[in-house]
N, C-alpha and C. Protein backbone atom coordinates (compact mmCIF):
# COMPACT_ATOMS: atom_id res chain seq x y z
N MET A 1 0.86 -1.18 0.00
CA MET A 1 0.00 0.00 0.00
C MET A 1 0.90 1.24 0.00
N ASN A 2 0.58 2.16 -0.82
CA ASN A 2 1.37 3.37 -0.92
C ASN A 2 1.28 4.19 0.37
N ARG A 3 2.39 4.85 0.71
CA ARG A 3 2.52 5.58 1.98
C ARG A 3 1.44 6.65 2.12
N TRP A 4 1.15 7.38 1.06
CA TRP A 4 0.15 8.46 1.14
C TRP A 4 -1.25 7.91 1.33
N LEU A 5 -1.53 6.78 0.67
CA LEU A 5 -2.84 6.15 0.84
C LEU A 5 -3.00 5.66 2.28
N ALA A 6 -1.94 5.08 2.81
CA ALA A 6 -1.99 4.61 4.20
C ALA A 6 -2.24 5.77 5.15
N ARG A 7 -1.57 6.90 4.91
CA ARG A 7 -1.78 8.07 5.78
C ARG A 7 -3.18 8.62 5.60
N ALA A 8 -3.71 8.59 4.38
CA ALA A 8 -5.07 9.08 4.14
C ALA A 8 -6.07 8.21 4.90
N LEU A 9 -5.84 6.90 4.90
CA LEU A 9 -6.72 6.01 5.65
C LEU A 9 -6.61 6.26 7.14
N CYS A 10 -5.40 6.52 7.59
CA CYS A 10 -5.18 6.84 9.00
C CYS A 10 -5.91 8.13 9.36
N THR A 11 -5.85 9.13 8.49
CA THR A 11 -6.54 10.38 8.74
C THR A 11 -8.04 10.16 8.81
N SER A 12 -8.56 9.36 7.91
CA SER A 12 -9.99 9.05 7.93
C SER A 12 -10.36 8.35 9.23
N ALA A 13 -9.51 7.44 9.66
CA ALA A 13 -9.77 6.74 10.92
C ALA A 13 -9.74 7.70 12.10
N LEU A 14 -8.87 8.69 12.03
CA LEU A 14 -8.79 9.66 13.13
C LEU A 14 -10.06 10.47 13.27
N THR A 15 -10.76 10.70 12.18
CA THR A 15 -11.99 11.47 12.28
C THR A 15 -13.04 10.68 13.05
N LEU A 16 -12.89 9.38 13.13
CA LEU A 16 -13.83 8.55 13.88
C LEU A 16 -13.50 8.53 15.37
N VAL A 17 -12.29 8.95 15.71
CA VAL A 17 -11.84 8.94 17.10
C VAL A 17 -11.80 10.39 17.58
N ALA A 18 -12.15 10.61 18.80
CA ALA A 18 -12.09 11.98 19.34
C ALA A 18 -10.65 12.46 19.28
N CYS A 19 -10.48 13.69 18.82
CA CYS A 19 -9.14 14.24 18.64
C CYS A 19 -8.32 14.24 19.91
N ASP A 20 -8.96 14.43 21.06
CA ASP A 20 -8.20 14.49 22.30
C ASP A 20 -7.69 13.12 22.73
N LYS A 21 -8.13 12.05 22.07
CA LYS A 21 -7.66 10.71 22.40
C LYS A 21 -6.50 10.28 21.49
N ALA A 22 -6.29 10.96 20.39
CA ALA A 22 -5.21 10.60 19.46
C ALA A 22 -3.87 11.08 20.02
N GLY A 23 -2.85 10.26 19.85
CA GLY A 23 -1.53 10.63 20.31
C GLY A 23 -0.89 11.66 19.38
N PRO A 24 0.26 12.21 19.78
CA PRO A 24 0.90 13.24 18.97
C PRO A 24 1.28 12.75 17.57
N THR A 25 1.70 11.51 17.44
CA THR A 25 2.07 10.98 16.13
C THR A 25 0.87 10.96 15.20
N ASN A 26 -0.26 10.46 15.68
CA ASN A 26 -1.46 10.39 14.84
C ASN A 26 -1.97 11.78 14.47
N VAL A 27 -1.94 12.70 15.40
CA VAL A 27 -2.37 14.07 15.10
C VAL A 27 -1.44 14.67 14.05
N TYR A 28 -0.13 14.46 14.22
CA TYR A 28 0.84 15.00 13.25
C TYR A 28 0.60 14.40 11.87
N TYR A 29 0.48 13.08 11.78
CA TYR A 29 0.23 12.45 10.48
C TYR A 29 -1.08 12.92 9.87
N GLY A 30 -2.08 13.14 10.70
CA GLY A 30 -3.36 13.64 10.19
C GLY A 30 -3.22 15.01 9.55
N MET A 31 -2.51 15.92 10.23
CA MET A 31 -2.36 17.26 9.67
C MET A 31 -1.43 17.25 8.46
N ALA A 32 -0.38 16.43 8.49
CA ALA A 32 0.55 16.35 7.36
C ALA A 32 -0.14 15.77 6.13
N THR A 33 -0.95 14.75 6.34
CA THR A 33 -1.69 14.15 5.23
C THR A 33 -2.68 15.14 4.64
N ALA A 34 -3.37 15.86 5.51
CA ALA A 34 -4.30 16.89 5.04
C ALA A 34 -3.56 17.91 4.17
N ALA A 35 -2.39 18.32 4.61
CA ALA A 35 -1.60 19.29 3.85
C ALA A 35 -1.21 18.73 2.49
N GLU A 36 -0.80 17.46 2.46
CA GLU A 36 -0.40 16.83 1.20
C GLU A 36 -1.56 16.77 0.20
N PHE A 37 -2.78 16.66 0.71
CA PHE A 37 -3.96 16.60 -0.15
C PHE A 37 -4.59 17.96 -0.39
N GLY A 38 -3.92 19.02 0.08
CA GLY A 38 -4.43 20.37 -0.15
C GLY A 38 -5.58 20.76 0.75
N ASP A 39 -5.78 20.05 1.84
CA ASP A 39 -6.85 20.32 2.79
C ASP A 39 -6.33 21.27 3.87
N THR A 40 -6.44 22.56 3.61
CA THR A 40 -5.92 23.56 4.55
C THR A 40 -6.62 23.46 5.90
N GLU A 41 -7.92 23.29 5.91
CA GLU A 41 -8.66 23.20 7.18
C GLU A 41 -8.19 22.00 8.00
N GLY A 42 -7.95 20.87 7.34
CA GLY A 42 -7.44 19.69 8.02
C GLY A 42 -6.06 19.94 8.59
N PHE A 43 -5.21 20.63 7.82
CA PHE A 43 -3.88 20.98 8.29
C PHE A 43 -3.97 21.88 9.52
N LEU A 44 -4.84 22.86 9.49
CA LEU A 44 -4.98 23.81 10.59
C LEU A 44 -5.50 23.18 11.87
N LYS A 45 -6.18 22.03 11.76
CA LYS A 45 -6.68 21.35 12.96
C LYS A 45 -5.55 20.88 13.86
N GLY A 46 -4.34 20.82 13.33
CA GLY A 46 -3.20 20.39 14.13
C GLY A 46 -2.58 21.50 14.97
N PHE A 47 -3.17 22.68 14.95
CA PHE A 47 -2.62 23.83 15.68
C PHE A 47 -3.55 24.27 16.80
N THR A 48 -2.97 24.93 17.79
CA THR A 48 -3.79 25.50 18.86
C THR A 48 -4.66 26.61 18.26
N LYS A 49 -5.72 26.92 18.98
CA LYS A 49 -6.65 27.96 18.53
C LYS A 49 -5.91 29.27 18.24
N GLU A 50 -4.98 29.64 19.12
CA GLU A 50 -4.24 30.89 18.97
C GLU A 50 -3.31 30.87 17.75
N SER A 51 -2.83 29.69 17.39
CA SER A 51 -1.87 29.58 16.30
C SER A 51 -2.53 29.50 14.92
N LYS A 52 -3.77 29.06 14.86
CA LYS A 52 -4.43 28.85 13.57
C LYS A 52 -4.45 30.11 12.71
N GLN A 53 -4.80 31.25 13.30
CA GLN A 53 -4.88 32.49 12.51
C GLN A 53 -3.52 32.89 11.98
N LEU A 54 -2.50 32.74 12.79
CA LEU A 54 -1.14 33.08 12.35
C LEU A 54 -0.68 32.18 11.21
N ILE A 55 -0.94 30.90 11.32
CA ILE A 55 -0.55 29.95 10.26
C ILE A 55 -1.33 30.23 8.99
N GLN A 56 -2.62 30.51 9.12
CA GLN A 56 -3.45 30.83 7.95
C GLN A 56 -2.90 32.07 7.25
N ALA A 57 -2.55 33.10 8.01
CA ALA A 57 -1.98 34.32 7.42
C ALA A 57 -0.65 34.03 6.74
N GLN A 58 0.18 33.23 7.39
CA GLN A 58 1.49 32.89 6.82
C GLN A 58 1.32 32.07 5.54
N LEU A 59 0.35 31.17 5.52
CA LEU A 59 0.08 30.40 4.30
C LEU A 59 -0.32 31.32 3.15
N SER A 60 -1.21 32.28 3.45
CA SER A 60 -1.68 33.21 2.41
C SER A 60 -0.54 34.07 1.89
N LEU A 61 0.27 34.60 2.79
CA LEU A 61 1.40 35.46 2.37
C LEU A 61 2.44 34.67 1.58
N SER A 62 2.78 33.47 2.05
CA SER A 62 3.81 32.70 1.35
C SER A 62 3.32 32.29 -0.04
N GLU A 63 2.03 32.03 -0.18
CA GLU A 63 1.47 31.69 -1.49
C GLU A 63 1.45 32.93 -2.40
N ALA A 64 1.02 34.05 -1.85
CA ALA A 64 0.91 35.27 -2.65
C ALA A 64 2.27 35.77 -3.13
N TYR A 65 3.30 35.61 -2.31
CA TYR A 65 4.62 36.14 -2.64
C TYR A 65 5.63 35.06 -3.02
N GLY A 66 5.18 33.82 -3.10
CA GLY A 66 6.08 32.73 -3.52
C GLY A 66 7.22 32.48 -2.55
N LEU A 67 6.96 32.63 -1.27
CA LEU A 67 7.99 32.43 -0.24
C LEU A 67 8.01 30.97 0.20
N LYS A 68 8.68 30.14 -0.56
CA LYS A 68 8.67 28.71 -0.29
C LYS A 68 9.35 28.34 1.02
N THR A 69 10.44 28.99 1.38
CA THR A 69 11.13 28.63 2.61
C THR A 69 10.39 29.11 3.85
N GLU A 70 9.52 30.11 3.70
CA GLU A 70 8.76 30.62 4.83
C GLU A 70 7.36 30.01 4.89
N ASN A 71 7.08 29.08 4.02
CA ASN A 71 5.77 28.45 3.97
C ASN A 71 5.65 27.43 5.10
N PRO A 72 4.59 27.52 5.92
CA PRO A 72 4.43 26.56 7.01
C PRO A 72 4.40 25.10 6.55
N LEU A 73 3.95 24.87 5.33
CA LEU A 73 3.93 23.50 4.82
C LEU A 73 5.34 22.95 4.67
N SER A 74 6.23 23.73 4.09
CA SER A 74 7.60 23.25 3.90
C SER A 74 8.36 23.20 5.23
N MET A 75 7.94 24.02 6.18
CA MET A 75 8.61 24.04 7.48
C MET A 75 8.13 22.95 8.43
N LEU A 76 6.89 22.50 8.24
CA LEU A 76 6.29 21.60 9.23
C LEU A 76 5.81 20.25 8.71
N VAL A 77 5.70 20.09 7.39
CA VAL A 77 5.17 18.84 6.86
C VAL A 77 6.32 17.94 6.40
N PHE A 78 6.45 16.82 7.09
CA PHE A 78 7.49 15.84 6.80
C PHE A 78 6.82 14.49 6.61
N SER A 79 7.51 13.57 5.97
CA SER A 79 6.88 12.30 5.61
C SER A 79 6.94 11.24 6.70
N THR A 80 7.90 11.34 7.60
CA THR A 80 8.09 10.27 8.58
C THR A 80 8.30 10.83 9.97
N VAL A 81 7.62 10.23 10.93
CA VAL A 81 7.91 10.49 12.34
C VAL A 81 8.84 9.37 12.78
N GLU A 82 10.07 9.72 13.09
CA GLU A 82 11.07 8.71 13.44
C GLU A 82 11.06 8.35 14.92
N LYS A 83 10.73 9.35 15.75
CA LYS A 83 10.79 9.12 17.19
C LYS A 83 9.88 10.13 17.88
N VAL A 84 9.29 9.74 18.99
CA VAL A 84 8.45 10.64 19.79
C VAL A 84 8.86 10.50 21.26
N GLU A 85 9.08 11.64 21.89
CA GLU A 85 9.36 11.66 23.32
C GLU A 85 8.27 12.49 23.99
N GLU A 86 7.42 11.82 24.77
CA GLU A 86 6.37 12.51 25.51
C GLU A 86 6.85 12.77 26.92
N ASP A 87 6.54 13.98 27.41
CA ASP A 87 6.88 14.35 28.78
C ASP A 87 5.71 15.15 29.34
N GLY A 88 4.73 14.45 29.87
CA GLY A 88 3.56 15.12 30.42
C GLY A 88 2.72 15.78 29.35
N GLU A 89 2.72 17.10 29.36
CA GLU A 89 1.88 17.87 28.44
C GLU A 89 2.62 18.32 27.18
N THR A 90 3.84 17.83 26.96
CA THR A 90 4.59 18.17 25.75
C THR A 90 5.11 16.89 25.10
N ALA A 91 5.35 16.99 23.80
CA ALA A 91 5.93 15.88 23.04
C ALA A 91 6.88 16.47 22.00
N ILE A 92 8.00 15.80 21.81
CA ILE A 92 8.96 16.18 20.77
C ILE A 92 8.94 15.07 19.72
N LEU A 93 8.62 15.46 18.49
CA LEU A 93 8.61 14.52 17.39
C LEU A 93 9.85 14.75 16.53
N ASP A 94 10.62 13.71 16.29
CA ASP A 94 11.72 13.77 15.34
C ASP A 94 11.14 13.35 14.00
N VAL A 95 11.10 14.28 13.05
CA VAL A 95 10.49 14.02 11.75
C VAL A 95 11.53 14.16 10.65
N SER A 96 11.24 13.53 9.51
CA SER A 96 12.18 13.62 8.39
C SER A 96 11.45 13.58 7.06
N ARG A 97 12.14 14.12 6.06
CA ARG A 97 11.71 14.08 4.66
C ARG A 97 13.01 13.93 3.87
N GLY A 98 13.28 12.72 3.40
CA GLY A 98 14.57 12.48 2.74
C GLY A 98 15.68 12.68 3.75
N ASN A 99 16.65 13.53 3.40
CA ASN A 99 17.77 13.82 4.30
C ASN A 99 17.49 14.97 5.25
N THR A 100 16.35 15.62 5.10
CA THR A 100 16.01 16.75 5.94
C THR A 100 15.32 16.26 7.21
N LYS A 101 15.84 16.69 8.34
CA LYS A 101 15.29 16.29 9.63
C LYS A 101 14.94 17.53 10.44
N ARG A 102 13.95 17.39 11.29
CA ARG A 102 13.54 18.50 12.14
C ARG A 102 12.89 17.94 13.40
N LYS A 103 12.86 18.75 14.42
CA LYS A 103 12.17 18.41 15.66
C LYS A 103 10.94 19.31 15.76
N ILE A 104 9.80 18.71 16.05
CA ILE A 104 8.55 19.44 16.19
C ILE A 104 8.07 19.25 17.62
N LYS A 105 7.84 20.35 18.31
CA LYS A 105 7.31 20.28 19.68
C LYS A 105 5.81 20.50 19.64
N MET A 106 5.09 19.59 20.30
CA MET A 106 3.64 19.70 20.39
C MET A 106 3.25 19.83 21.86
N VAL A 107 2.10 20.42 22.10
CA VAL A 107 1.57 20.56 23.46
C VAL A 107 0.21 19.90 23.53
N LYS A 108 -0.12 19.42 24.72
CA LYS A 108 -1.43 18.81 24.92
C LYS A 108 -2.39 19.88 25.43
N VAL A 109 -3.42 20.14 24.66
CA VAL A 109 -4.40 21.18 24.98
C VAL A 109 -5.64 20.49 25.58
N PRO A 110 -6.10 20.95 26.76
CA PRO A 110 -7.29 20.34 27.35
C PRO A 110 -8.47 20.37 26.38
N ASP A 111 -9.18 19.28 26.32
CA ASP A 111 -10.37 19.10 25.48
C ASP A 111 -10.10 19.16 23.98
N GLU A 112 -8.85 19.26 23.56
CA GLU A 112 -8.51 19.27 22.13
C GLU A 112 -7.50 18.19 21.80
N GLY A 113 -6.56 17.94 22.69
CA GLY A 113 -5.52 16.95 22.45
C GLY A 113 -4.22 17.60 22.00
N TRP A 114 -3.41 16.84 21.30
CA TRP A 114 -2.08 17.28 20.89
C TRP A 114 -2.17 18.28 19.75
N ARG A 115 -1.47 19.40 19.89
CA ARG A 115 -1.48 20.47 18.89
C ARG A 115 -0.10 21.12 18.83
N ILE A 116 0.14 21.82 17.73
CA ILE A 116 1.34 22.65 17.61
C ILE A 116 0.96 24.07 18.01
N ASP A 117 1.70 24.63 18.93
CA ASP A 117 1.55 26.03 19.32
C ASP A 117 2.77 26.75 18.74
N VAL A 118 2.55 27.69 17.83
CA VAL A 118 3.68 28.31 17.12
C VAL A 118 4.62 29.06 18.05
N LYS A 119 4.12 29.63 19.14
CA LYS A 119 4.98 30.34 20.10
C LYS A 119 5.89 29.33 20.80
N VAL A 120 5.30 28.25 21.29
CA VAL A 120 6.08 27.20 21.97
C VAL A 120 7.10 26.61 21.00
N LEU A 121 6.67 26.31 19.77
CA LEU A 121 7.57 25.72 18.78
C LEU A 121 8.69 26.69 18.41
N GLY A 122 8.35 27.95 18.20
CA GLY A 122 9.37 28.95 17.86
C GLY A 122 10.40 29.11 18.96
N ASP A 123 9.94 29.14 20.21
CA ASP A 123 10.87 29.23 21.35
C ASP A 123 11.75 27.99 21.42
N TYR A 124 11.15 26.83 21.17
CA TYR A 124 11.90 25.58 21.20
C TYR A 124 12.99 25.57 20.12
N TRP A 125 12.63 25.97 18.89
CA TRP A 125 13.63 26.02 17.82
C TRP A 125 14.73 27.03 18.13
N ALA A 126 14.38 28.16 18.73
CA ALA A 126 15.38 29.16 19.11
C ALA A 126 16.34 28.58 20.15
N ASP A 127 15.79 27.85 21.12
CA ASP A 127 16.64 27.22 22.15
C ASP A 127 17.56 26.17 21.51
N LEU A 128 17.06 25.41 20.55
CA LEU A 128 17.89 24.42 19.87
C LEU A 128 19.06 25.09 19.16
N LYS A 129 18.79 26.23 18.51
CA LYS A 129 19.86 26.96 17.81
C LYS A 129 20.93 27.45 18.79
N LYS A 130 20.50 27.83 19.99
CA LYS A 130 21.41 28.32 21.01
C LYS A 130 22.12 27.18 21.71
N GLY A 131 21.72 25.94 21.42
CA GLY A 131 22.36 24.79 22.03
C GLY A 131 21.80 24.43 23.39
N LYS A 132 20.61 24.91 23.70
CA LYS A 132 20.01 24.60 25.01
C LYS A 132 19.33 23.27 24.99
């Protein structure tokens, strides 16, 4: 079975399960699959309420001005989750696309489940650059 089809089936299965019960890996694959299929609303479901508007604006600007490196899709959508470390209300996902690797920090939001908060993620990436 092709990888994208498998992820699409996983995403469909996730809609049958309450979002707050899905683990960070499933939520991530759901939003990444939605992005791959051009489902912006599905992609945005992977973000906290506060982050959705910012990501939507960034998507619109990057599309309008052709800013591929600043596009949230290229920054956050990867094909494989290699490792997940959960620590209470946070999770770090090691993701990859070919030779490109990145760490994505997610937070557990009450009554919503695992989500990406752009402030938390931005601070985390800044700390990684500083070697913290």
